[in-house]
């Protein structure tokens, strides 16, 4: 999994690329720590899933961890640009009820 964090007018954009599975657990936790480095509220975090080619149940759990981490940093989170298998998985588990999608 590759990632980049960009500033946006509303907050931050976390662009992910590759696979989001249990194997990425450690790297993803490091990404979450970087999101909340500042003591200031982070605003809105958009998680761009457009270049994520595969997600499994562990990856879905990582997105829940991201939601919890962003909330602790006084932010809100949205999942954007999901396609293909990733979009189908988000729909199957009703993530539209847990995240802005």
Protein backbone atom coordinates (compact mmCIF):
# COMPACT_ATOMS: atom_id res chain seq x y z
CA UNK A 1 0.00 0.00 0.00
CA UNK A 2 1.25 3.43 -0.94
CA UNK A 3 -0.23 6.65 0.36
CA UNK A 4 0.07 10.39 0.26
CA UNK A 5 -1.44 13.05 2.51
CA UNK A 6 -2.46 16.34 0.94
CA UNK A 7 -3.86 19.53 2.44
CA UNK A 8 -7.21 20.63 1.07
CA UNK A 9 -9.31 23.72 1.82
CA UNK A 10 -11.52 21.61 4.12
CA UNK A 11 -8.82 19.53 5.81
CA UNK A 12 -6.77 16.60 4.55
CA UNK A 13 -6.95 14.07 1.74
CA UNK A 14 -5.43 10.64 2.31
CA UNK A 15 -4.90 9.00 -1.07
CA UNK A 16 -4.31 5.25 -0.88
CA UNK A 17 -3.01 2.97 -3.62
CA UNK A 18 -2.70 -0.80 -3.85
CA UNK A 19 -4.31 -3.32 -1.54
CA UNK A 20 -5.87 -2.71 1.87
CA UNK A 21 -5.56 -6.00 3.78
CA UNK A 22 -4.24 -7.30 7.08
CA UNK A 23 -0.71 -7.20 5.63
CA UNK A 24 -0.95 -3.37 5.57
CA UNK A 25 -2.02 -3.13 9.22
CA UNK A 26 1.28 -1.78 10.57
CA UNK A 27 1.81 0.70 7.75
CA UNK A 28 -1.77 1.94 7.98
CA UNK A 29 -1.48 2.59 11.72
CA UNK A 30 1.59 4.70 10.98
CA UNK A 31 -0.41 6.68 8.43
CA UNK A 32 -3.12 7.31 11.03
CA UNK A 33 -0.53 8.55 13.52
CA UNK A 34 0.73 11.03 10.93
CA UNK A 35 -2.79 12.35 10.33
CA UNK A 36 -3.11 13.42 13.95
CA UNK A 37 0.40 14.79 14.55
CA UNK A 38 -0.87 18.31 15.07
CA UNK A 39 -2.66 19.25 18.30
CA UNK A 40 -5.12 21.33 16.27
CA UNK A 41 -8.39 19.85 15.00
CA UNK A 42 -7.78 18.33 11.57
CA UNK A 43 -11.14 19.10 9.98
CA UNK A 44 -12.40 16.78 7.28
CA UNK A 45 -10.31 13.83 6.12
CA UNK A 46 -11.19 12.41 2.73
CA UNK A 47 -9.88 8.89 2.24
CA UNK A 48 -9.42 8.54 -1.52
CA UNK A 49 -9.92 4.88 -2.43
CA UNK A 50 -9.79 5.41 -6.20
CA UNK A 51 -6.47 3.61 -6.57
CA UNK A 52 -7.18 0.83 -4.07
CA UNK A 53 -7.54 -2.32 -6.15
CA UNK A 54 -8.60 -4.72 -3.39
CA UNK A 55 -9.96 -4.60 0.15
CA UNK A 56 -10.77 -7.49 2.47
CA UNK A 57 -12.45 -7.68 5.87
CA UNK A 58 -9.25 -6.64 7.63
CA UNK A 59 -9.01 -3.62 5.33
CA UNK A 60 -12.59 -2.69 6.20
CA UNK A 61 -11.55 -2.86 9.84
CA UNK A 62 -8.66 -0.51 9.11
CA UNK A 63 -11.13 2.02 7.73
CA UNK A 64 -13.06 1.80 11.01
CA UNK A 65 -9.81 2.44 12.88
CA UNK A 66 -9.27 5.47 10.66
CA UNK A 67 -12.74 6.75 11.50
CA UNK A 68 -12.06 6.40 15.23
CA UNK A 69 -8.62 8.04 14.98
CA UNK A 70 -9.95 11.00 13.00
CA UNK A 71 -12.77 11.52 15.48
CA UNK A 72 -10.23 11.59 18.34
CA UNK A 73 -8.46 14.38 16.44
CA UNK A 74 -11.72 16.33 16.28
CA UNK A 75 -12.25 15.63 12.60
CA UNK A 76 -14.76 13.90 10.40
CA UNK A 77 -14.04 11.39 7.67
CA UNK A 78 -15.38 10.59 4.21
CA UNK A 79 -14.60 7.73 1.84
CA UNK A 80 -14.35 8.94 -1.75
CA UNK A 81 -13.72 7.57 -5.25
CA UNK A 82 -14.22 3.87 -4.37
CA UNK A 83 -14.47 1.70 -7.51
CA UNK A 84 -14.93 -1.92 -8.51
CA UNK A 85 -14.43 -4.53 -5.82
CA UNK A 86 -13.77 -1.88 -3.17
CA UNK A 87 -17.06 -0.12 -3.88
CA UNK A 88 -18.92 -3.45 -3.82
CA UNK A 89 -17.40 -4.37 -0.45
CA UNK A 90 -18.31 -0.99 1.05
CA UNK A 91 -21.88 -1.48 -0.15
CA UNK A 92 -22.11 -5.04 1.18
CA UNK A 93 -21.19 -3.96 4.70
CA UNK A 94 -23.33 -0.77 4.56
CA UNK A 95 -20.42 1.60 5.20
CA UNK A 96 -22.60 4.41 3.85
CA UNK A 97 -24.22 4.26 7.31
CA UNK A 98 -20.87 4.68 9.09
CA UNK A 99 -19.05 7.12 6.82
CA UNK A 100 -19.84 9.93 4.47
CA UNK A 101 -19.45 8.20 1.09
